[in-house]
Every structure is written in structure tokens, then in C-alpha cells.
Amino acid sequence: MDRAVGARIASRRAALGWSQARLATAVGVSFQQLQKYESGLNRVSASRLHRIAGVLGAPVADFFPDPAEPPSHDRDAPPLNREARGMLAAFARIQEAPVRRALVQLVQALAA
């Protein structure tokens, strides 16, 4: 769960075009601490997550996995590379659900 929350923080930050240093300053933590949150090495407390969500302009619930999705048990998954993070950030900015679904289908078809 800590890695999932951290990954969502990193994704939202990247979608806004913010650096880790900028978010760390806005939240009131060190750059290194934010890195630990985003990597899942350190757990984000509820109050800190509330602050991060407010700074990033997102509801706290956005930082938790969708309960309808099966949990990921791949703890050794490599971190996303820059290209994948950029794609996720752009995807998160798409407001229309049918367009997002179509893109997911396209990517899945290309990867098959």
C-alpha cells in the first residue's frame, strides 16, 4: 500500500509538472523525505497525505488504489522510467472516460 500511495503522489506531481523539490517545499518536508514517500520506503501519515493532497489539488482518495482492482503483489516491480511516468501524467490529464478507455485498449492491443 505504501508503494501504491507513493507512486500516485509521484504521478500527480509529475502531471502538474512539479519537481520533487517544489512539492517537498510546499508540503514542508525535505526533498529526501519526499523521495522516501514516493518510493514507498516511508509511510505517509494521514495528516501528511491530507497536506500533500491539498497542495496537489486532489482528493485524498485519489492516492489510494481502486478497491475494485485486484491488489498487486509484485513488490519487486521496477520503478517506472521517465517515459512511462510522462505517459501516465498525460493520461491523468484526459478528462473523458471513453477516451481513456480507448487509449488503454489501444496500448493493450499494441503490446499483445
PDB file of N, CA and C in Angstrom:
ATOM      1  N   MET A   1       0.827  -1.196   0.000  1.00  0.00           N
ATOM      2  CA  MET A   1       0.000   0.000   0.000  1.00  0.00           C
ATOM      3  C   MET A   1       0.869   1.256   0.000  1.00  0.00           C
ATOM      4  N   ASP A   2       1.970   1.250   0.764  1.00  0.00           N
ATOM      5  CA  ASP A   2       2.833   2.425   0.831  1.00  0.00           C
ATOM      6  C   ASP A   2       3.425   2.770  -0.532  1.00  0.00           C
ATOM      7  N   ARG A   3       3.803   1.735  -1.290  1.00  0.00           N
ATOM      8  CA  ARG A   3       4.359   1.969  -2.622  1.00  0.00           C
ATOM      9  C   ARG A   3       3.292   2.500  -3.561  1.00  0.00           C
ATOM     10  N   ALA A   4       2.067   1.984  -3.438  1.00  0.00           N
ATOM     11  CA  ALA A   4       0.978   2.435  -4.309  1.00  0.00           C
ATOM     12  C   ALA A   4       0.649   3.906  -4.047  1.00  0.00           C
ATOM     13  N   VAL A   5       0.581   4.277  -2.780  1.00  0.00           N
ATOM     14  CA  VAL A   5       0.311   5.681  -2.430  1.00  0.00           C
ATOM     15  C   VAL A   5       1.450   6.565  -2.929  1.00  0.00           C
ATOM     16  N   GLY A   6       2.681   6.146  -2.698  1.00  0.00           N
ATOM     17  CA  GLY A   6       3.835   6.920  -3.147  1.00  0.00           C
ATOM     18  C   GLY A   6       3.873   7.094  -4.652  1.00  0.00           C
ATOM     19  N   ALA A   7       3.556   6.026  -5.371  1.00  0.00           N
ATOM     20  CA  ALA A   7       3.538   6.102  -6.837  1.00  0.00           C
ATOM     21  C   ALA A   7       2.477   7.083  -7.320  1.00  0.00           C
ATOM     22  N   ARG A   8       1.345   7.114  -6.633  1.00  0.00           N
ATOM     23  CA  ARG A   8       0.283   8.048  -7.028  1.00  0.00           C
ATOM     24  C   ARG A   8       0.664   9.502  -6.706  1.00  0.00           C
ATOM     25  N   ILE A   9       1.382   9.685  -5.621  1.00  0.00           N
ATOM     26  CA  ILE A   9       1.884  11.034  -5.311  1.00  0.00           C
ATOM     27  C   ILE A   9       2.833  11.479  -6.431  1.00  0.00           C
ATOM     28  N   ALA A  10       3.752  10.606  -6.792  1.00  0.00           N
ATOM     29  CA  ALA A  10       4.732  10.933  -7.837  1.00  0.00           C
ATOM     30  C   ALA A  10       4.037  11.203  -9.167  1.00  0.00           C
ATOM     31  N   SER A  11       3.030  10.404  -9.477  1.00  0.00           N
ATOM     32  CA  SER A  11       2.308  10.577 -10.741  1.00  0.00           C
ATOM     33  C   SER A  11       1.571  11.913 -10.788  1.00  0.00           C
ATOM     34  N   ARG A  12       0.898  12.255  -9.702  1.00  0.00           N
ATOM     35  CA  ARG A  12       0.162  13.527  -9.656  1.00  0.00           C
ATOM     36  C   ARG A  12       1.134  14.709  -9.725  1.00  0.00           C
ATOM     37  N   ARG A  13       2.237  14.605  -8.999  1.00  0.00           N
ATOM     38  CA  ARG A  13       3.250  15.658  -9.022  1.00  0.00           C
ATOM     39  C   ARG A  13       3.776  15.854 -10.435  1.00  0.00           C
ATOM     40  N   ALA A  14       4.094  14.759 -11.108  1.00  0.00           N
ATOM     41  CA  ALA A  14       4.624  14.831 -12.471  1.00  0.00           C
ATOM     42  C   ALA A  14       3.583  15.386 -13.438  1.00  0.00           C
ATOM     43  N   ALA A  15       2.322  15.005 -13.226  1.00  0.00           N
ATOM     44  CA  ALA A  15       1.253  15.506 -14.095  1.00  0.00           C
ATOM     45  C   ALA A  15       1.134  17.023 -14.013  1.00  0.00           C
ATOM     46  N   LEU A  16       1.447  17.565 -12.861  1.00  0.00           N
ATOM     47  CA  LEU A  16       1.398  19.008 -12.674  1.00  0.00           C
ATOM     48  C   LEU A  16       2.691  19.694 -13.117  1.00  0.00           C
ATOM     49  N   GLY A  17       3.693  18.884 -13.467  1.00  0.00           N
ATOM     50  CA  GLY A  17       4.979  19.436 -13.883  1.00  0.00           C
ATOM     51  C   GLY A  17       5.823  19.945 -12.736  1.00  0.00           C
ATOM     52  N   TRP A  18       5.563  19.451 -11.533  1.00  0.00           N
ATOM     53  CA  TRP A  18       6.298  19.883 -10.342  1.00  0.00           C
ATOM     54  C   TRP A  18       7.516  18.987 -10.135  1.00  0.00           C
ATOM     55  N   SER A  19       8.575  19.568  -9.623  1.00  0.00           N
ATOM     56  CA  SER A  19       9.738  18.783  -9.221  1.00  0.00           C
ATOM     57  C   SER A  19       9.495  18.246  -7.807  1.00  0.00           C
ATOM     58  N   GLN A  20      10.307  17.281  -7.425  1.00  0.00           N
ATOM     59  CA  GLN A  20      10.216  16.775  -6.052  1.00  0.00           C
ATOM     60  C   GLN A  20      10.562  17.880  -5.068  1.00  0.00           C
ATOM     61  N   ALA A  21      11.526  18.691  -5.405  1.00  0.00           N
ATOM     62  CA  ALA A  21      11.936  19.778  -4.507  1.00  0.00           C
ATOM     63  C   ALA A  21      10.793  20.767  -4.290  1.00  0.00           C
ATOM     64  N   ARG A  22      10.074  21.095  -5.353  1.00  0.00           N
ATOM     65  CA  ARG A  22       8.963  22.050  -5.227  1.00  0.00           C
ATOM     66  C   ARG A  22       7.867  21.496  -4.325  1.00  0.00           C
ATOM     67  N   LEU A  23       7.503  20.224  -4.533  1.00  0.00           N
ATOM     68  CA  LEU A  23       6.458  19.635  -3.693  1.00  0.00           C
ATOM     69  C   LEU A  23       6.929  19.523  -2.242  1.00  0.00           C
ATOM     70  N   ALA A  24       8.170  19.102  -2.047  1.00  0.00           N
ATOM     71  CA  ALA A  24       8.701  18.971  -0.683  1.00  0.00           C
ATOM     72  C   ALA A  24       8.622  20.309   0.050  1.00  0.00           C
ATOM     73  N   THR A  25       9.010  21.377  -0.614  1.00  0.00           N
ATOM     74  CA  THR A  25       8.959  22.709  -0.005  1.00  0.00           C
ATOM     75  C   THR A  25       7.520  23.099   0.317  1.00  0.00           C
ATOM     76  N   ALA A  26       6.614  22.847  -0.609  1.00  0.00           N
ATOM     77  CA  ALA A  26       5.207  23.216  -0.409  1.00  0.00           C
ATOM     78  C   ALA A  26       4.571  22.450   0.747  1.00  0.00           C
ATOM     79  N   VAL A  27       5.014  21.211   0.942  1.00  0.00           N
ATOM     80  CA  VAL A  27       4.450  20.360   1.989  1.00  0.00           C
ATOM     81  C   VAL A  27       5.159  20.577   3.322  1.00  0.00           C
ATOM     82  N   GLY A  28       6.407  21.055   3.261  1.00  0.00           N
ATOM     83  CA  GLY A  28       7.164  21.293   4.488  1.00  0.00           C
ATOM     84  C   GLY A  28       7.987  20.113   4.939  1.00  0.00           C
ATOM     85  N   VAL A  29       8.471  19.318   3.975  1.00  0.00           N
ATOM     86  CA  VAL A  29       9.356  18.199   4.290  1.00  0.00           C
ATOM     87  C   VAL A  29      10.624  18.356   3.456  1.00  0.00           C
ATOM     88  N   SER A  30      11.635  17.582   3.778  1.00  0.00           N
ATOM     89  CA  SER A  30      12.868  17.631   2.990  1.00  0.00           C
ATOM     90  C   SER A  30      12.655  16.910   1.659  1.00  0.00           C
ATOM     91  N   PHE A  31      13.498  17.256   0.712  1.00  0.00           N
ATOM     92  CA  PHE A  31      13.489  16.596  -0.589  1.00  0.00           C
ATOM     93  C   PHE A  31      13.679  15.085  -0.413  1.00  0.00           C
ATOM     94  N   GLN A  32      14.603  14.708   0.473  1.00  0.00           N
ATOM     95  CA  GLN A  32      14.884  13.287   0.708  1.00  0.00           C
ATOM     96  C   GLN A  32      13.679  12.569   1.299  1.00  0.00           C
ATOM     97  N   GLN A  33      12.952  13.247   2.185  1.00  0.00           N
ATOM     98  CA  GLN A  33      11.772  12.631   2.777  1.00  0.00           C
ATOM     99  C   GLN A  33      10.710  12.398   1.710  1.00  0.00           C
ATOM    100  N   LEU A  34      10.515  13.363   0.826  1.00  0.00           N
ATOM    101  CA  LEU A  34       9.540  13.189  -0.252  1.00  0.00           C
ATOM    102  C   LEU A  34       9.936  12.026  -1.146  1.00  0.00           C
ATOM    103  N   GLN A  35      11.228  11.889  -1.427  1.00  0.00           N
ATOM    104  CA  GLN A  35      11.691  10.747  -2.220  1.00  0.00           C
ATOM    105  C   GLN A  35      11.319   9.426  -1.537  1.00  0.00           C
ATOM    106  N   LYS A  36      11.481   9.377  -0.229  1.00  0.00           N
ATOM    107  CA  LYS A  36      11.131   8.161   0.517  1.00  0.00           C
ATOM    108  C   LYS A  36       9.638   7.896   0.466  1.00  0.00           C
ATOM    109  N   TYR A  37       8.814   8.950   0.542  1.00  0.00           N
ATOM    110  CA  TYR A  37       7.363   8.773   0.412  1.00  0.00           C
ATOM    111  C   TYR A  37       7.021   8.213  -0.963  1.00  0.00           C
ATOM    112  N   GLU A  38       7.592   8.832  -2.004  1.00  0.00           N
ATOM    113  CA  GLU A  38       7.247   8.434  -3.365  1.00  0.00           C
ATOM    114  C   GLU A  38       7.720   7.023  -3.691  1.00  0.00           C
ATOM    115  N   SER A  39       8.806   6.585  -3.103  1.00  0.00           N
ATOM    116  CA  SER A  39       9.303   5.234  -3.366  1.00  0.00           C
ATOM    117  C   SER A  39       8.614   4.188  -2.491  1.00  0.00           C
ATOM    118  N   GLY A  40       7.888   4.641  -1.475  1.00  0.00           N
ATOM    119  CA  GLY A  40       7.229   3.713  -0.569  1.00  0.00           C
ATOM    120  C   GLY A  40       8.131   3.244   0.558  1.00  0.00           C
ATOM    121  N   LEU A  41       9.343   3.796   0.658  1.00  0.00           N
ATOM    122  CA  LEU A  41      10.241   3.407   1.754  1.00  0.00           C
ATOM    123  C   LEU A  41       9.723   3.895   3.096  1.00  0.00           C
ATOM    124  N   ASN A  42       9.100   5.071   3.093  1.00  0.00           N
ATOM    125  CA  ASN A  42       8.491   5.608   4.311  1.00  0.00           C
ATOM    126  C   ASN A  42       6.986   5.745   4.106  1.00  0.00           C
ATOM    127  N   ARG A  43       6.243   5.393   5.114  1.00  0.00           N
ATOM    128  CA  ARG A  43       4.785   5.516   5.073  1.00  0.00           C
ATOM    129  C   ARG A  43       4.390   6.977   5.257  1.00  0.00           C
ATOM    130  N   VAL A  44       3.409   7.408   4.475  1.00  0.00           N
ATOM    131  CA  VAL A  44       2.900   8.770   4.585  1.00  0.00           C
ATOM    132  C   VAL A  44       1.780   8.751   5.621  1.00  0.00           C
ATOM    133  N   SER A  45       1.901   9.564   6.662  1.00  0.00           N
ATOM    134  CA  SER A  45       0.842   9.619   7.679  1.00  0.00           C
ATOM    135  C   SER A  45      -0.416  10.227   7.066  1.00  0.00           C
ATOM    136  N   ALA A  46      -1.532  10.012   7.716  1.00  0.00           N
ATOM    137  CA  ALA A  46      -2.809  10.543   7.224  1.00  0.00           C
ATOM    138  C   ALA A  46      -2.778  12.062   7.144  1.00  0.00           C
ATOM    139  N   SER A  47      -2.221  12.699   8.149  1.00  0.00           N
ATOM    140  CA  SER A  47      -2.182  14.164   8.138  1.00  0.00           C
ATOM    141  C   SER A  47      -1.262  14.688   7.042  1.00  0.00           C
ATOM    142  N   ARG A  48      -0.145  14.014   6.805  1.00  0.00           N
ATOM    143  CA  ARG A  48       0.775  14.440   5.750  1.00  0.00           C
ATOM    144  C   ARG A  48       0.148  14.196   4.374  1.00  0.00           C
ATOM    145  N   LEU A  49      -0.542  13.065   4.208  1.00  0.00           N
ATOM    146  CA  LEU A  49      -1.205  12.788   2.937  1.00  0.00           C
ATOM    147  C   LEU A  49      -2.298  13.821   2.668  1.00  0.00           C
ATOM    148  N   HIS A  50      -2.997  14.222   3.714  1.00  0.00           N
ATOM    149  CA  HIS A  50      -4.017  15.260   3.576  1.00  0.00           C
ATOM    150  C   HIS A  50      -3.375  16.553   3.082  1.00  0.00           C
ATOM    151  N   ARG A  51      -2.225  16.897   3.629  1.00  0.00           N
ATOM    152  CA  ARG A  51      -1.498  18.108   3.216  1.00  0.00           C
ATOM    153  C   ARG A  51      -1.024  17.991   1.760  1.00  0.00           C
ATOM    154  N   ILE A  52      -0.464  16.845   1.410  1.00  0.00           N
ATOM    155  CA  ILE A  52       0.013  16.617   0.037  1.00  0.00           C
ATOM    156  C   ILE A  52      -1.143  16.717  -0.949  1.00  0.00           C
ATOM    157  N   ALA A  53      -2.260  16.086  -0.614  1.00  0.00           N
ATOM    158  CA  ALA A  53      -3.424  16.133  -1.497  1.00  0.00           C
ATOM    159  C   ALA A  53      -3.893  17.566  -1.703  1.00  0.00           C
ATOM    160  N   GLY A  54      -3.920  18.339  -0.624  1.00  0.00           N
ATOM    161  CA  GLY A  54      -4.342  19.729  -0.727  1.00  0.00           C
ATOM    162  C   GLY A  54      -3.413  20.541  -1.604  1.00  0.00           C
ATOM    163  N   VAL A  55      -2.114  20.358  -1.423  1.00  0.00           N
ATOM    164  CA  VAL A  55      -1.123  21.086  -2.219  1.00  0.00           C
ATOM    165  C   VAL A  55      -1.233  20.706  -3.698  1.00  0.00           C
ATOM    166  N   LEU A  56      -1.481  19.424  -3.967  1.00  0.00           N
ATOM    167  CA  LEU A  56      -1.570  18.954  -5.344  1.00  0.00           C
ATOM    168  C   LEU A  56      -2.969  19.129  -5.944  1.00  0.00           C
ATOM    169  N   GLY A  57      -3.916  19.609  -5.138  1.00  0.00           N
ATOM    170  CA  GLY A  57      -5.260  19.865  -5.637  1.00  0.00           C
ATOM    171  C   GLY A  57      -6.028  18.617  -6.014  1.00  0.00           C
ATOM    172  N   ALA A  58      -5.896  17.596  -5.207  1.00  0.00           N
ATOM    173  CA  ALA A  58      -6.581  16.332  -5.482  1.00  0.00           C
ATOM    174  C   ALA A  58      -7.208  15.801  -4.198  1.00  0.00           C
ATOM    175  N   PRO A  59      -8.299  15.052  -4.316  1.00  0.00           N
ATOM    176  CA  PRO A  59      -8.868  14.428  -3.117  1.00  0.00           C
ATOM    177  C   PRO A  59      -7.928  13.346  -2.576  1.00  0.00           C
ATOM    178  N   VAL A  60      -7.921  13.161  -1.276  1.00  0.00           N
ATOM    179  CA  VAL A  60      -7.066  12.147  -0.652  1.00  0.00           C
ATOM    180  C   VAL A  60      -7.328  10.770  -1.259  1.00  0.00           C
ATOM    181  N   ALA A  61      -8.567  10.485  -1.581  1.00  0.00           N
ATOM    182  CA  ALA A  61      -8.928   9.171  -2.127  1.00  0.00           C
ATOM    183  C   ALA A  61      -8.201   8.859  -3.433  1.00  0.00           C
ATOM    184  N   ASP A  62      -7.790   9.892  -4.170  1.00  0.00           N
ATOM    185  CA  ASP A  62      -7.080   9.669  -5.432  1.00  0.00           C
ATOM    186  C   ASP A  62      -5.740   8.984  -5.235  1.00  0.00           C
ATOM    187  N   PHE A  63      -5.217   8.993  -4.030  1.00  0.00           N
ATOM    188  CA  PHE A  63      -3.903   8.436  -3.780  1.00  0.00           C
ATOM    189  C   PHE A  63      -3.942   6.979  -3.324  1.00  0.00           C
ATOM    190  N   PHE A  64      -5.136   6.409  -3.274  1.00  0.00           N
ATOM    191  CA  PHE A  64      -5.288   5.013  -2.889  1.00  0.00           C
ATOM    192  C   PHE A  64      -5.720   4.196  -4.093  1.00  0.00           C
ATOM    193  N   PRO A  65      -5.305   2.928  -4.153  1.00  0.00           N
ATOM    194  CA  PRO A  65      -5.711   2.072  -5.259  1.00  0.00           C
ATOM    195  C   PRO A  65      -7.228   1.901  -5.297  1.00  0.00           C
ATOM    196  N   ASP A  66      -7.738   1.690  -6.495  1.00  0.00           N
ATOM    197  CA  ASP A  66      -9.165   1.429  -6.680  1.00  0.00           C
ATOM    198  C   ASP A  66      -9.491   0.089  -6.030  1.00  0.00           C
ATOM    199  N   PRO A  67     -10.446   0.064  -5.075  1.00  0.00           N
ATOM    200  CA  PRO A  67     -10.753  -1.206  -4.397  1.00  0.00           C
ATOM    201  C   PRO A  67     -11.327  -2.258  -5.335  1.00  0.00           C
ATOM    202  N   ALA A  68     -11.804  -1.854  -6.511  1.00  0.00           N
ATOM    203  CA  ALA A  68     -12.347  -2.813  -7.464  1.00  0.00           C
ATOM    204  C   ALA A  68     -11.240  -3.577  -8.190  1.00  0.00           C
ATOM    205  N   GLU A  69     -10.023  -3.017  -8.183  1.00  0.00           N
ATOM    206  CA  GLU A  69      -8.904  -3.680  -8.844  1.00  0.00           C
ATOM    207  C   GLU A  69      -8.253  -4.684  -7.899  1.00  0.00           C
ATOM    208  N   PRO A  70      -7.821  -5.824  -8.444  1.00  0.00           N
ATOM    209  CA  PRO A  70      -7.125  -6.777  -7.575  1.00  0.00           C
ATOM    210  C   PRO A  70      -5.814  -6.171  -7.090  1.00  0.00           C
ATOM    211  N   PRO A  71      -5.434  -6.461  -5.848  1.00  0.00           N
ATOM    212  CA  PRO A  71      -4.190  -5.894  -5.326  1.00  0.00           C
ATOM    213  C   PRO A  71      -2.977  -6.438  -6.067  1.00  0.00           C
ATOM    214  N   SER A  72      -1.979  -5.611  -6.203  1.00  0.00           N
ATOM    215  CA  SER A  72      -0.731  -6.025  -6.835  1.00  0.00           C
ATOM    216  C   SER A  72       0.184  -6.604  -5.768  1.00  0.00           C
ATOM    217  N   HIS A  73       0.713  -7.773  -6.040  1.00  0.00           N
ATOM    218  CA  HIS A  73       1.610  -8.413  -5.080  1.00  0.00           C
ATOM    219  C   HIS A  73       3.037  -8.435  -5.601  1.00  0.00           C
ATOM    220  N   ASP A  74       3.285  -7.678  -6.664  1.00  0.00           N
ATOM    221  CA  ASP A  74       4.611  -7.638  -7.251  1.00  0.00           C
ATOM    222  C   ASP A  74       5.448  -6.565  -6.567  1.00  0.00           C
ATOM    223  N   ARG A  75       5.999  -6.894  -5.422  1.00  0.00           N
ATOM    224  CA  ARG A  75       6.767  -5.929  -4.641  1.00  0.00           C
ATOM    225  C   ARG A  75       8.123  -5.632  -5.279  1.00  0.00           C
ATOM    226  N   ASP A  76       8.559  -6.484  -6.201  1.00  0.00           N
ATOM    227  CA  ASP A  76       9.860  -6.295  -6.823  1.00  0.00           C
ATOM    228  C   ASP A  76       9.761  -5.637  -8.194  1.00  0.00           C
ATOM    229  N   ALA A  77       8.594  -5.068  -8.513  1.00  0.00           N
ATOM    230  CA  ALA A  77       8.426  -4.417  -9.807  1.00  0.00           C
ATOM    231  C   ALA A  77       9.373  -3.223  -9.894  1.00  0.00           C
ATOM    232  N   PRO A  78      10.015  -3.064 -11.042  1.00  0.00           N
ATOM    233  CA  PRO A  78      10.921  -1.921 -11.170  1.00  0.00           C
ATOM    234  C   PRO A  78      10.136  -0.616 -11.178  1.00  0.00           C
ATOM    235  N   PRO A  79      10.758   0.464 -10.743  1.00  0.00           N
ATOM    236  CA  PRO A  79      10.070   1.754 -10.786  1.00  0.00           C
ATOM    237  C   PRO A  79       9.843   2.170 -12.237  1.00  0.00           C
ATOM    238  N   LEU A  80       8.836   2.984 -12.461  1.00  0.00           N
ATOM    239  CA  LEU A  80       8.540   3.446 -13.808  1.00  0.00           C
ATOM    240  C   LEU A  80       9.658   4.336 -14.319  1.00  0.00           C
ATOM    241  N   ASN A  81       9.990   4.179 -15.597  1.00  0.00           N
ATOM    242  CA  ASN A  81      11.005   5.047 -16.177  1.00  0.00           C
ATOM    243  C   ASN A  81      10.379   6.394 -16.555  1.00  0.00           C
ATOM    244  N   ARG A  82      11.199   7.324 -16.973  1.00  0.00           N
ATOM    245  CA  ARG A  82      10.743   8.687 -17.288  1.00  0.00           C
ATOM    246  C   ARG A  82       9.661   8.679 -18.365  1.00  0.00           C
ATOM    247  N   GLU A  83       9.845   7.854 -19.375  1.00  0.00           N
ATOM    248  CA  GLU A  83       8.883   7.777 -20.468  1.00  0.00           C
ATOM    249  C   GLU A  83       7.516   7.305 -19.966  1.00  0.00           C
ATOM    250  N   ALA A  84       7.503   6.271 -19.133  1.00  0.00           N
ATOM    251  CA  ALA A  84       6.246   5.745 -18.594  1.00  0.00           C
ATOM    252  C   ALA A  84       5.581   6.760 -17.666  1.00  0.00           C
ATOM    253  N   ARG A  85       6.378   7.450 -16.844  1.00  0.00           N
ATOM    254  CA  ARG A  85       5.800   8.468 -15.958  1.00  0.00           C
ATOM    255  C   ARG A  85       5.182   9.605 -16.769  1.00  0.00           C
ATOM    256  N   GLY A  86       5.854   9.999 -17.854  1.00  0.00           N
ATOM    257  CA  GLY A  86       5.305  11.047 -18.710  1.00  0.00           C
ATOM    258  C   GLY A  86       3.997  10.631 -19.343  1.00  0.00           C
ATOM    259  N   MET A  87       3.936   9.375 -19.763  1.00  0.00           N
ATOM    260  CA  MET A  87       2.707   8.862 -20.365  1.00  0.00           C
ATOM    261  C   MET A  87       1.582   8.815 -19.329  1.00  0.00           C
ATOM    262  N   LEU A  88       1.900   8.385 -18.119  1.00  0.00           N
ATOM    263  CA  LEU A  88       0.890   8.354 -17.060  1.00  0.00           C
ATOM    264  C   LEU A  88       0.407   9.751 -16.703  1.00  0.00           C
ATOM    265  N   ALA A  89       1.327  10.697 -16.674  1.00  0.00           N
ATOM    266  CA  ALA A  89       0.956  12.075 -16.348  1.00  0.00           C
ATOM    267  C   ALA A  89       0.021  12.636 -17.413  1.00  0.00           C
ATOM    268  N   ALA A  90       0.331  12.391 -18.679  1.00  0.00           N
ATOM    269  CA  ALA A  90      -0.529  12.872 -19.761  1.00  0.00           C
ATOM    270  C   ALA A  90      -1.882  12.173 -19.704  1.00  0.00           C
ATOM    271  N   PHE A  91      -1.868  10.875 -19.430  1.00  0.00           N
ATOM    272  CA  PHE A  91      -3.116  10.110 -19.341  1.00  0.00           C
ATOM    273  C   PHE A  91      -4.012  10.660 -18.236  1.00  0.00           C
ATOM    274  N   ALA A  92      -3.417  11.030 -17.111  1.00  0.00           N
ATOM    275  CA  ALA A  92      -4.193  11.540 -15.972  1.00  0.00           C
ATOM    276  C   ALA A  92      -4.881  12.859 -16.290  1.00  0.00           C
ATOM    277  N   ARG A  93      -4.364  13.597 -17.273  1.00  0.00           N
ATOM    278  CA  ARG A  93      -4.974  14.876 -17.644  1.00  0.00           C
ATOM    279  C   ARG A  93      -6.159  14.718 -18.588  1.00  0.00           C
ATOM    280  N   ILE A  94      -6.378  13.525 -19.124  1.00  0.00           N
ATOM    281  CA  ILE A  94      -7.503  13.295 -20.026  1.00  0.00           C
ATOM    282  C   ILE A  94      -8.773  13.189 -19.199  1.00  0.00           C
ATOM    283  N   GLN A  95      -9.705  14.084 -19.431  1.00  0.00           N
ATOM    284  CA  GLN A  95     -10.928  14.164 -18.631  1.00  0.00           C
ATOM    285  C   GLN A  95     -11.997  13.160 -19.073  1.00  0.00           C
ATOM    286  N   GLU A  96     -12.041  12.822 -20.347  1.00  0.00           N
ATOM    287  CA  GLU A  96     -13.116  11.993 -20.889  1.00  0.00           C
ATOM    288  C   GLU A  96     -12.833  10.508 -20.666  1.00  0.00           C
ATOM    289  N   ALA A  97     -13.685   9.846 -19.892  1.00  0.00           N
ATOM    290  CA  ALA A  97     -13.501   8.426 -19.576  1.00  0.00           C
ATOM    291  C   ALA A  97     -13.486   7.552 -20.831  1.00  0.00           C
ATOM    292  N   PRO A  98     -14.364   7.777 -21.826  1.00  0.00           N
ATOM    293  CA  PRO A  98     -14.311   6.927 -23.027  1.00  0.00           C
ATOM    294  C   PRO A  98     -12.973   7.036 -23.769  1.00  0.00           C
ATOM    295  N   VAL A  99     -12.379   8.215 -23.760  1.00  0.00           N
ATOM    296  CA  VAL A  99     -11.083   8.390 -24.420  1.00  0.00           C
ATOM    297  C   VAL A  99     -10.011   7.621 -23.661  1.00  0.00           C
ATOM    298  N   ARG A 100     -10.049   7.690 -22.327  1.00  0.00           N
ATOM    299  CA  ARG A 100      -9.069   6.936 -21.527  1.00  0.00           C
ATOM    300  C   ARG A 100      -9.205   5.437 -21.786  1.00  0.00           C
ATOM    301  N   ARG A 101     -10.448   4.947 -21.801  1.00  0.00           N
ATOM    302  CA  ARG A 101     -10.667   3.514 -22.054  1.00  0.00           C
ATOM    303  C   ARG A 101     -10.148   3.116 -23.438  1.00  0.00           C
ATOM    304  N   ALA A 102     -10.383   3.955 -24.438  1.00  0.00           N
ATOM    305  CA  ALA A 102      -9.923   3.664 -25.785  1.00  0.00           C
ATOM    306  C   ALA A 102      -8.394   3.610 -25.842  1.00  0.00           C
ATOM    307  N   LEU A 103      -7.742   4.520 -25.128  1.00  0.00           N
ATOM    308  CA  LEU A 103      -6.274   4.508 -25.096  1.00  0.00           C
ATOM    309  C   LEU A 103      -5.735   3.247 -24.417  1.00  0.00           C
ATOM    310  N   VAL A 104      -6.391   2.841 -23.344  1.00  0.00           N
ATOM    311  CA  VAL A 104      -5.961   1.611 -22.664  1.00  0.00           C
ATOM    312  C   VAL A 104      -6.086   0.436 -23.607  1.00  0.00           C
ATOM    313  N   GLN A 105      -7.204   0.349 -24.333  1.00  0.00           N
ATOM    314  CA  GLN A 105      -7.404  -0.747 -25.293  1.00  0.00           C
ATOM    315  C   GLN A 105      -6.360  -0.714 -26.389  1.00  0.00           C
ATOM    316  N   LEU A 106      -6.050   0.485 -26.882  1.00  0.00           N
ATOM    317  CA  LEU A 106      -5.041   0.624 -27.925  1.00  0.00           C
ATOM    318  C   LEU A 106      -3.676   0.126 -27.445  1.00  0.00           C
ATOM    319  N   VAL A 107      -3.264   0.574 -26.265  1.00  0.00           N
ATOM    320  CA  VAL A 107      -1.959   0.183 -25.733  1.00  0.00           C
ATOM    321  C   VAL A 107      -1.916  -1.337 -25.495  1.00  0.00           C
ATOM    322  N   GLN A 108      -3.004  -1.884 -24.965  1.00  0.00           N
ATOM    323  CA  GLN A 108      -3.038  -3.331 -24.732  1.00  0.00           C
ATOM    324  C   GLN A 108      -2.944  -4.102 -26.052  1.00  0.00           C
ATOM    325  N   ALA A 109      -3.613  -3.599 -27.090  1.00  0.00           N
ATOM    326  CA  ALA A 109      -3.553  -4.257 -28.400  1.00  0.00           C
ATOM    327  C   ALA A 109      -2.139  -4.173 -28.988  1.00  0.00           C
ATOM    328  N   LEU A 110      -1.496  -3.016 -28.850  1.00  0.00           N
ATOM    329  CA  LEU A 110      -0.138  -2.857 -29.361  1.00  0.00           C
ATOM    330  C   LEU A 110       0.864  -3.744 -28.619  1.00  0.00           C
ATOM    331  N   ALA A 111       0.622  -3.959 -27.326  1.00  0.00           N
ATOM    332  CA  ALA A 111       1.536  -4.750 -26.510  1.00  0.00           C
ATOM    333  C   ALA A 111       1.341  -6.251 -26.695  1.00  0.00           C
ATOM    334  N   ALA A 112       0.231  -6.638 -27.278  1.00  0.00           N
ATOM    335  CA  ALA A 112      -0.072  -8.083 -27.435  1.00  0.00           C
ATOM    336  C   ALA A 112       0.785  -8.738 -28.491  1.00  0.00           C
TER     337      ALA A 112
END
